[in-house]
Amino acid sequence: MLTGDILRQSARRNPDKMALIQGRRQVSYAALAAEACQFANALGTLGIGRGETVAVMSRNRPEYVAIHFGNAMTGSMLVNLMPAYAPEELVAILRQTRSRLIVIEQDCQDKLAAVRDRLPDLAHVVVIGEPALDGWLPFDRFVADRPDTPPRVPLSGDDTFAMTFTGGTTGLPKGAKVSHNARFVSAWTTAIEHEMREHDTVGLLTPLYHAMGSCVWLPAAVLVGATIVMPER
């Protein structure tokens, strides 16, 4: 199963059910799937698709979940970045992956601004939260008025859709790629082994930039249609 379909199928089954809860913020499965599609279509307007790379640098936010599933519908690869990266690590990873667009949380803007002139491939910056620095686009405006239906992109389960970097103790972080099939197997086996069900409420405590968050707990909970409680920190 393709990663984008994990969300879309749960949204079809239970559109009005709460998918995400963070503080007072609640997002239904229908709304989450719609925002994921809007993000995918917004990338399409920039010509970002197969063979391209998109980066995200944020703590756990509902927007991050929409980015995770939306980017998976485009054929581009999502690079997950730790907000704690030092400037040199950030530059090394963005140069290595040749990311054309980065979605960055508001609190991380100054870190990116300090090295922006060293990233010639980075053409677009989208900010989760406001205010955004001059010339950078808030996430809500980036996805506004985009179609809430999935783009028609031919994808295979063997396609790479994400890259998560290791936290090795020596040298710079090293990227590990993951395919749609690998993500689905992780989600399916996690749901089975932990007996996750649609009526469950799941606490997502691990960060989405970590493989445990984005490869295991998030897709497993969405696959079964559970409600996810997601602390921001």
C-alpha atoms as a PDB file:
ATOM      1  CA  MET A   1       0.000   0.000   0.000  1.00  0.00           C
ATOM      2  CA  LEU A   2       1.226   3.493  -0.839  1.00  0.00           C
ATOM      3  CA  THR A   3       1.827   5.796   2.117  1.00  0.00           C
ATOM      4  CA  GLY A   4      -0.690   8.387   0.977  1.00  0.00           C
ATOM      5  CA  ASP A   5      -3.359   5.686   0.733  1.00  0.00           C
ATOM      6  CA  ILE A   6      -2.928   4.810   4.416  1.00  0.00           C
ATOM      7  CA  LEU A   7      -4.435   8.177   5.336  1.00  0.00           C
ATOM      8  CA  ARG A   8      -6.925   8.388   2.496  1.00  0.00           C
ATOM      9  CA  GLN A   9      -8.500   4.998   3.278  1.00  0.00           C
ATOM     10  CA  SER A  10      -9.014   5.843   6.944  1.00  0.00           C
ATOM     11  CA  ALA A  11     -10.518   9.181   5.920  1.00  0.00           C
ATOM     12  CA  ARG A  12     -12.960   7.377   3.628  1.00  0.00           C
ATOM     13  CA  ARG A  13     -13.986   4.966   6.401  1.00  0.00           C
ATOM     14  CA  ASN A  14     -14.421   7.532   9.181  1.00  0.00           C
ATOM     15  CA  PRO A  15     -14.226  11.087   7.796  1.00  0.00           C
ATOM     16  CA  ASP A  16     -15.606  12.818  10.904  1.00  0.00           C
ATOM     17  CA  LYS A  17     -13.538  10.919  13.461  1.00  0.00           C
ATOM     18  CA  MET A  18     -10.779  12.815  15.252  1.00  0.00           C
ATOM     19  CA  ALA A  19      -7.414  11.885  13.776  1.00  0.00           C
ATOM     20  CA  LEU A  20      -5.190  14.266  15.769  1.00  0.00           C
ATOM     21  CA  ILE A  21      -5.486  16.065  19.090  1.00  0.00           C
ATOM     22  CA  GLN A  22      -2.862  18.568  20.230  1.00  0.00           C
ATOM     23  CA  GLY A  23      -3.895  20.709  23.163  1.00  0.00           C
ATOM     24  CA  ARG A  24      -7.166  22.373  22.181  1.00  0.00           C
ATOM     25  CA  ARG A  25      -6.579  21.679  18.519  1.00  0.00           C
ATOM     26  CA  GLN A  26      -8.507  18.789  16.965  1.00  0.00           C
ATOM     27  CA  VAL A  27      -8.257  17.590  13.355  1.00  0.00           C
ATOM     28  CA  SER A  28     -10.651  15.089  11.790  1.00  0.00           C
ATOM     29  CA  TYR A  29      -9.531  12.411   9.345  1.00  0.00           C
ATOM     30  CA  ALA A  30     -11.360  14.216   6.526  1.00  0.00           C
ATOM     31  CA  ALA A  31      -9.639  17.512   7.303  1.00  0.00           C
ATOM     32  CA  LEU A  32      -6.226  15.872   7.649  1.00  0.00           C
ATOM     33  CA  ALA A  33      -6.568  14.049   4.321  1.00  0.00           C
ATOM     34  CA  ALA A  34      -7.753  17.248   2.632  1.00  0.00           C
ATOM     35  CA  GLU A  35      -4.758  19.224   3.921  1.00  0.00           C
ATOM     36  CA  ALA A  36      -2.367  16.467   2.866  1.00  0.00           C
ATOM     37  CA  CYS A  37      -3.794  16.607  -0.671  1.00  0.00           C
ATOM     38  CA  GLN A  38      -3.592  20.406  -0.678  1.00  0.00           C
ATOM     39  CA  PHE A  39       0.079  20.225   0.279  1.00  0.00           C
ATOM     40  CA  ALA A  40       0.721  17.691  -2.491  1.00  0.00           C
ATOM     41  CA  ASN A  41      -0.993  19.901  -5.064  1.00  0.00           C
ATOM     42  CA  ALA A  42       0.850  22.993  -3.831  1.00  0.00           C
ATOM     43  CA  LEU A  43       4.134  21.185  -4.468  1.00  0.00           C
ATOM     44  CA  GLY A  44       2.875  20.334  -7.943  1.00  0.00           C
ATOM     45  CA  THR A  45       2.373  23.997  -8.783  1.00  0.00           C
ATOM     46  CA  LEU A  46       6.100  24.491  -8.118  1.00  0.00           C
ATOM     47  CA  GLY A  47       7.033  21.561 -10.339  1.00  0.00           C
ATOM     48  CA  ILE A  48       8.175  19.481  -7.369  1.00  0.00           C
ATOM     49  CA  GLY A  49       7.487  15.789  -7.914  1.00  0.00           C
ATOM     50  CA  ARG A  50       9.308  12.617  -8.901  1.00  0.00           C
ATOM     51  CA  GLY A  51      13.059  12.886  -8.472  1.00  0.00           C
ATOM     52  CA  GLU A  52      12.784  16.009  -6.301  1.00  0.00           C
ATOM     53  CA  THR A  53      13.469  16.429  -2.598  1.00  0.00           C
ATOM     54  CA  VAL A  54      11.490  18.280   0.075  1.00  0.00           C
ATOM     55  CA  ALA A  55      12.772  18.846   3.620  1.00  0.00           C
ATOM     56  CA  VAL A  56      10.859  19.403   6.849  1.00  0.00           C
ATOM     57  CA  MET A  57      12.289  20.710  10.122  1.00  0.00           C
ATOM     58  CA  SER A  58       9.744  20.851  12.927  1.00  0.00           C
ATOM     59  CA  ARG A  59       8.596  19.447  16.211  1.00  0.00           C
ATOM     60  CA  ASN A  60       5.435  17.327  16.193  1.00  0.00           C
ATOM     61  CA  ARG A  61       2.667  19.450  14.709  1.00  0.00           C
ATOM     62  CA  PRO A  62      -0.540  18.523  12.838  1.00  0.00           C
ATOM     63  CA  GLU A  63       0.971  20.221   9.774  1.00  0.00           C
ATOM     64  CA  TYR A  64       3.896  17.787   9.927  1.00  0.00           C
ATOM     65  CA  VAL A  65       1.458  14.869   9.600  1.00  0.00           C
ATOM     66  CA  ALA A  66      -0.190  16.493   6.555  1.00  0.00           C
ATOM     67  CA  ILE A  67       3.263  17.076   5.038  1.00  0.00           C
ATOM     68  CA  HIS A  68       4.271  13.471   5.709  1.00  0.00           C
ATOM     69  CA  PHE A  69       1.311  11.965   3.864  1.00  0.00           C
ATOM     70  CA  GLY A  70       0.910  14.731   1.285  1.00  0.00           C
ATOM     71  CA  ASN A  71       4.476  14.629   0.091  1.00  0.00           C
ATOM     72  CA  ALA A  72       4.156  10.845  -0.274  1.00  0.00           C
ATOM     73  CA  MET A  73       1.491  11.422  -2.953  1.00  0.00           C
ATOM     74  CA  THR A  74       3.850  13.433  -5.174  1.00  0.00           C
ATOM     75  CA  GLY A  75       6.721  11.041  -5.821  1.00  0.00           C
ATOM     76  CA  SER A  76       9.225  13.411  -4.212  1.00  0.00           C
ATOM     77  CA  MET A  77      11.354  12.345  -1.238  1.00  0.00           C
ATOM     78  CA  LEU A  78      10.748  13.856   2.196  1.00  0.00           C
ATOM     79  CA  VAL A  79      13.876  14.554   4.228  1.00  0.00           C
ATOM     80  CA  ASN A  80      13.186  14.659   7.973  1.00  0.00           C
ATOM     81  CA  LEU A  81      15.426  17.085   9.882  1.00  0.00           C
ATOM     82  CA  MET A  82      15.958  17.484  13.626  1.00  0.00           C
ATOM     83  CA  PRO A  83      15.296  21.023  14.908  1.00  0.00           C
ATOM     84  CA  ALA A  84      18.375  20.558  17.103  1.00  0.00           C
ATOM     85  CA  TYR A  85      20.763  20.280  14.141  1.00  0.00           C
ATOM     86  CA  ALA A  86      23.670  22.690  14.254  1.00  0.00           C
ATOM     87  CA  PRO A  87      23.957  25.071  11.279  1.00  0.00           C
ATOM     88  CA  GLU A  88      26.803  23.060   9.731  1.00  0.00           C
ATOM     89  CA  GLU A  89      24.753  19.851   9.927  1.00  0.00           C
ATOM     90  CA  LEU A  90      21.770  21.591   8.366  1.00  0.00           C
ATOM     91  CA  VAL A  91      23.869  22.918   5.489  1.00  0.00           C
ATOM     92  CA  ALA A  92      25.514  19.527   4.889  1.00  0.00           C
ATOM     93  CA  ILE A  93      22.198  17.664   4.729  1.00  0.00           C
ATOM     94  CA  LEU A  94      20.368  20.187   2.554  1.00  0.00           C
ATOM     95  CA  ARG A  95      23.298  20.300   0.139  1.00  0.00           C
ATOM     96  CA  GLN A  96      23.603  16.516   0.019  1.00  0.00           C
ATOM     97  CA  THR A  97      19.881  16.017  -0.639  1.00  0.00           C
ATOM     98  CA  ARG A  98      19.573  19.081  -2.929  1.00  0.00           C
ATOM     99  CA  SER A  99      16.266  19.954  -1.334  1.00  0.00           C
ATOM    100  CA  ARG A 100      14.331  22.502  -3.396  1.00  0.00           C
ATOM    101  CA  LEU A 101      11.826  23.325  -0.670  1.00  0.00           C
ATOM    102  CA  ILE A 102      11.909  23.222   3.104  1.00  0.00           C
ATOM    103  CA  VAL A 103       9.001  23.464   5.515  1.00  0.00           C
ATOM    104  CA  ILE A 104      10.353  24.853   8.763  1.00  0.00           C
ATOM    105  CA  GLU A 105       8.758  25.587  12.104  1.00  0.00           C
ATOM    106  CA  GLN A 106       8.617  29.211  13.116  1.00  0.00           C
ATOM    107  CA  ASP A 107      11.103  28.782  15.989  1.00  0.00           C
ATOM    108  CA  CYS A 108      13.752  27.402  13.595  1.00  0.00           C
ATOM    109  CA  GLN A 109      13.684  30.298  11.126  1.00  0.00           C
ATOM    110  CA  ASP A 110      16.698  32.151  12.483  1.00  0.00           C
ATOM    111  CA  LYS A 111      18.860  29.036  12.180  1.00  0.00           C
ATOM    112  CA  LEU A 112      17.965  28.650   8.510  1.00  0.00           C
ATOM    113  CA  ALA A 113      18.274  32.376   7.799  1.00  0.00           C
ATOM    114  CA  ALA A 114      21.876  32.318   9.083  1.00  0.00           C
ATOM    115  CA  VAL A 115      22.927  29.801   6.391  1.00  0.00           C
ATOM    116  CA  ARG A 116      20.405  30.573   3.635  1.00  0.00           C
ATOM    117  CA  ASP A 117      23.007  32.066   1.272  1.00  0.00           C
ATOM    118  CA  ARG A 118      24.967  28.781   1.384  1.00  0.00           C
ATOM    119  CA  LEU A 119      22.086  26.736  -0.053  1.00  0.00           C
ATOM    120  CA  PRO A 120      21.860  27.436  -3.797  1.00  0.00           C
ATOM    121  CA  ASP A 121      19.426  24.562  -4.505  1.00  0.00           C
ATOM    122  CA  LEU A 122      16.894  25.724  -1.915  1.00  0.00           C
ATOM    123  CA  ALA A 123      14.332  27.740  -3.863  1.00  0.00           C
ATOM    124  CA  HIS A 124      11.325  27.812  -1.499  1.00  0.00           C
ATOM    125  CA  VAL A 125      10.825  28.175   2.263  1.00  0.00           C
ATOM    126  CA  VAL A 126       7.441  27.504   3.911  1.00  0.00           C
ATOM    127  CA  VAL A 127       6.932  28.307   7.601  1.00  0.00           C
ATOM    128  CA  ILE A 128       4.679  26.502  10.095  1.00  0.00           C
ATOM    129  CA  GLY A 129       3.320  29.277  12.289  1.00  0.00           C
ATOM    130  CA  GLU A 130       3.488  33.034  12.029  1.00  0.00           C
ATOM    131  CA  PRO A 131       5.032  35.461  11.554  1.00  0.00           C
ATOM    132  CA  ALA A 132       7.228  34.207   8.738  1.00  0.00           C
ATOM    133  CA  LEU A 133      10.402  36.044   7.824  1.00  0.00           C
ATOM    134  CA  ASP A 134      10.154  38.393   4.849  1.00  0.00           C
ATOM    135  CA  GLY A 135       9.896  36.473   1.594  1.00  0.00           C
ATOM    136  CA  TRP A 136       8.991  33.177   3.262  1.00  0.00           C
ATOM    137  CA  LEU A 137       5.472  31.812   2.975  1.00  0.00           C
ATOM    138  CA  PRO A 138       3.303  30.682   5.922  1.00  0.00           C
ATOM    139  CA  PHE A 139       2.107  27.090   5.603  1.00  0.00           C
ATOM    140  CA  ASP A 140      -1.573  28.049   5.732  1.00  0.00           C
ATOM    141  CA  ARG A 141      -1.153  30.378   2.764  1.00  0.00           C
ATOM    142  CA  PHE A 142       0.924  27.813   0.876  1.00  0.00           C
ATOM    143  CA  VAL A 143      -1.884  25.226   0.929  1.00  0.00           C
ATOM    144  CA  ALA A 144      -4.838  27.633   0.744  1.00  0.00           C
ATOM    145  CA  ASP A 145      -7.220  27.164  -2.181  1.00  0.00           C
ATOM    146  CA  ARG A 146      -5.353  24.122  -3.497  1.00  0.00           C
ATOM    147  CA  PRO A 147      -7.433  21.105  -4.584  1.00  0.00           C
ATOM    148  CA  ASP A 148      -8.194  18.707  -1.744  1.00  0.00           C
ATOM    149  CA  THR A 149      -8.061  15.664  -4.012  1.00  0.00           C
ATOM    150  CA  PRO A 150      -4.876  13.612  -4.560  1.00  0.00           C
ATOM    151  CA  PRO A 151      -2.701  14.433  -7.582  1.00  0.00           C
ATOM    152  CA  ARG A 152      -2.576  11.860 -10.339  1.00  0.00           C
ATOM    153  CA  VAL A 153       0.982  10.617 -10.017  1.00  0.00           C
ATOM    154  CA  PRO A 154       1.963   7.042 -10.991  1.00  0.00           C
ATOM    155  CA  LEU A 155       3.736   5.549  -7.979  1.00  0.00           C
ATOM    156  CA  SER A 156       5.120   2.149  -7.035  1.00  0.00           C
ATOM    157  CA  GLY A 157       5.441   0.565  -3.623  1.00  0.00           C
ATOM    158  CA  ASP A 158       9.157   0.240  -4.285  1.00  0.00           C
ATOM    159  CA  ASP A 159       9.575   3.997  -4.773  1.00  0.00           C
ATOM    160  CA  THR A 160      11.555   5.863  -2.122  1.00  0.00           C
ATOM    161  CA  PHE A 161       9.373   8.408  -0.409  1.00  0.00           C
ATOM    162  CA  ALA A 162      11.344   9.509   2.657  1.00  0.00           C
ATOM    163  CA  MET A 163      14.800   9.803   4.156  1.00  0.00           C
ATOM    164  CA  THR A 164      15.605   9.937   7.857  1.00  0.00           C
ATOM    165  CA  PHE A 165      19.095  10.770   9.069  1.00  0.00           C
ATOM    166  CA  THR A 166      20.965   8.763  11.654  1.00  0.00           C
ATOM    167  CA  GLY A 167      22.191  10.299  14.867  1.00  0.00           C
ATOM    168  CA  GLY A 168      25.629   8.702  14.707  1.00  0.00           C
ATOM    169  CA  THR A 169      28.286   9.571  17.264  1.00  0.00           C
ATOM    170  CA  THR A 170      31.009  10.244  14.676  1.00  0.00           C
ATOM    171  CA  GLY A 171      30.978  12.353  11.536  1.00  0.00           C
ATOM    172  CA  LEU A 172      27.953  13.990   9.966  1.00  0.00           C
ATOM    173  CA  PRO A 173      24.487  12.353  10.008  1.00  0.00           C
ATOM    174  CA  LYS A 174      23.894   9.762   7.288  1.00  0.00           C
ATOM    175  CA  GLY A 175      20.632   9.416   5.375  1.00  0.00           C
ATOM    176  CA  ALA A 176      18.615   6.183   5.300  1.00  0.00           C
ATOM    177  CA  LYS A 177      15.959   5.874   2.583  1.00  0.00           C
ATOM    178  CA  VAL A 178      12.618   4.124   3.043  1.00  0.00           C
ATOM    179  CA  SER A 179      10.111   2.912   0.458  1.00  0.00           C
ATOM    180  CA  HIS A 180       6.305   2.921   0.534  1.00  0.00           C
ATOM    181  CA  ASN A 181       6.311  -0.878   0.939  1.00  0.00           C
ATOM    182  CA  ALA A 182       8.745  -0.736   3.856  1.00  0.00           C
ATOM    183  CA  ARG A 183       6.628   1.896   5.596  1.00  0.00           C
ATOM    184  CA  PHE A 184       3.458  -0.153   5.147  1.00  0.00           C
ATOM    185  CA  VAL A 185       5.076  -3.318   6.504  1.00  0.00           C
ATOM    186  CA  SER A 186       6.271  -1.400   9.582  1.00  0.00           C
ATOM    187  CA  ALA A 187       2.801   0.038  10.141  1.00  0.00           C
ATOM    188  CA  TRP A 188       1.011  -3.271   9.606  1.00  0.00           C
ATOM    189  CA  THR A 189       3.255  -5.313  11.890  1.00  0.00           C
ATOM    190  CA  THR A 190       3.137  -2.635  14.600  1.00  0.00           C
ATOM    191  CA  ALA A 191      -0.660  -2.583  14.508  1.00  0.00           C
ATOM    192  CA  ILE A 192      -0.774  -6.384  14.784  1.00  0.00           C
ATOM    193  CA  GLU A 193       1.859  -6.815  17.491  1.00  0.00           C
ATOM    194  CA  HIS A 194       0.479  -4.018  19.676  1.00  0.00           C
ATOM    195  CA  GLU A 195      -3.153  -4.941  18.940  1.00  0.00           C
ATOM    196  CA  MET A 196      -4.002  -1.418  17.831  1.00  0.00           C
ATOM    197  CA  ARG A 197      -7.659  -0.916  16.927  1.00  0.00           C
ATOM    198  CA  GLU A 198      -9.852   1.787  15.470  1.00  0.00           C
ATOM    199  CA  HIS A 199     -11.368   2.660  18.859  1.00  0.00           C
ATOM    200  CA  ASP A 200      -7.956   3.211  20.488  1.00  0.00           C
ATOM    201  CA  THR A 201      -6.401   6.524  21.480  1.00  0.00           C
ATOM    202  CA  VAL A 202      -2.665   6.485  20.798  1.00  0.00           C
ATOM    203  CA  GLY A 203      -0.113   8.781  22.429  1.00  0.00           C
ATOM    204  CA  LEU A 204       2.501   9.773  19.865  1.00  0.00           C
ATOM    205  CA  LEU A 205       5.437  10.822  22.039  1.00  0.00           C
ATOM    206  CA  THR A 206       8.346  10.094  19.699  1.00  0.00           C
ATOM    207  CA  PRO A 207       9.300  12.893  17.286  1.00  0.00           C
ATOM    208  CA  LEU A 208       8.219  12.556  13.674  1.00  0.00           C
ATOM    209  CA  TYR A 209      11.749  13.336  12.456  1.00  0.00           C
ATOM    210  CA  HIS A 210      12.800  10.069  14.140  1.00  0.00           C
ATOM    211  CA  ALA A 211      12.177   6.727  12.415  1.00  0.00           C
ATOM    212  CA  MET A 212      10.232   5.439  15.416  1.00  0.00           C
ATOM    213  CA  GLY A 213       7.736   8.254  15.052  1.00  0.00           C
ATOM    214  CA  SER A 214       7.358   8.470  11.275  1.00  0.00           C
ATOM    215  CA  CYS A 215       7.995   4.794  10.377  1.00  0.00           C
ATOM    216  CA  VAL A 216       6.235   3.007  13.214  1.00  0.00           C
ATOM    217  CA  TRP A 217       3.742   4.805  15.464  1.00  0.00           C
ATOM    218  CA  LEU A 218       2.237   7.415  13.144  1.00  0.00           C
ATOM    219  CA  PRO A 219       1.418   5.219  10.116  1.00  0.00           C
ATOM    220  CA  ALA A 220       0.257   2.341  12.324  1.00  0.00           C
ATOM    221  CA  ALA A 221      -2.224   4.526  14.188  1.00  0.00           C
ATOM    222  CA  VAL A 222      -3.482   6.113  10.967  1.00  0.00           C
ATOM    223  CA  LEU A 223      -3.717   2.720   9.241  1.00  0.00           C
ATOM    224  CA  VAL A 224      -6.216   1.427  11.805  1.00  0.00           C
ATOM    225  CA  GLY A 225      -7.978   4.783  12.101  1.00  0.00           C
ATOM    226  CA  ALA A 226      -7.148   5.445  15.755  1.00  0.00           C
ATOM    227  CA  THR A 227      -7.138   8.877  17.391  1.00  0.00           C
ATOM    228  CA  ILE A 228      -3.640  10.266  17.984  1.00  0.00           C
ATOM    229  CA  VAL A 229      -2.818  12.528  20.913  1.00  0.00           C
ATOM    230  CA  MET A 230       0.337  14.381  19.983  1.00  0.00           C
ATOM    231  CA  PRO A 231       2.190  16.533  22.523  1.00  0.00           C
ATOM    232  CA  GLU A 232       4.150  19.274  20.803  1.00  0.00           C
ATOM    233  CA  ARG A 233       7.254  18.592  22.908  1.00  0.00           C
END
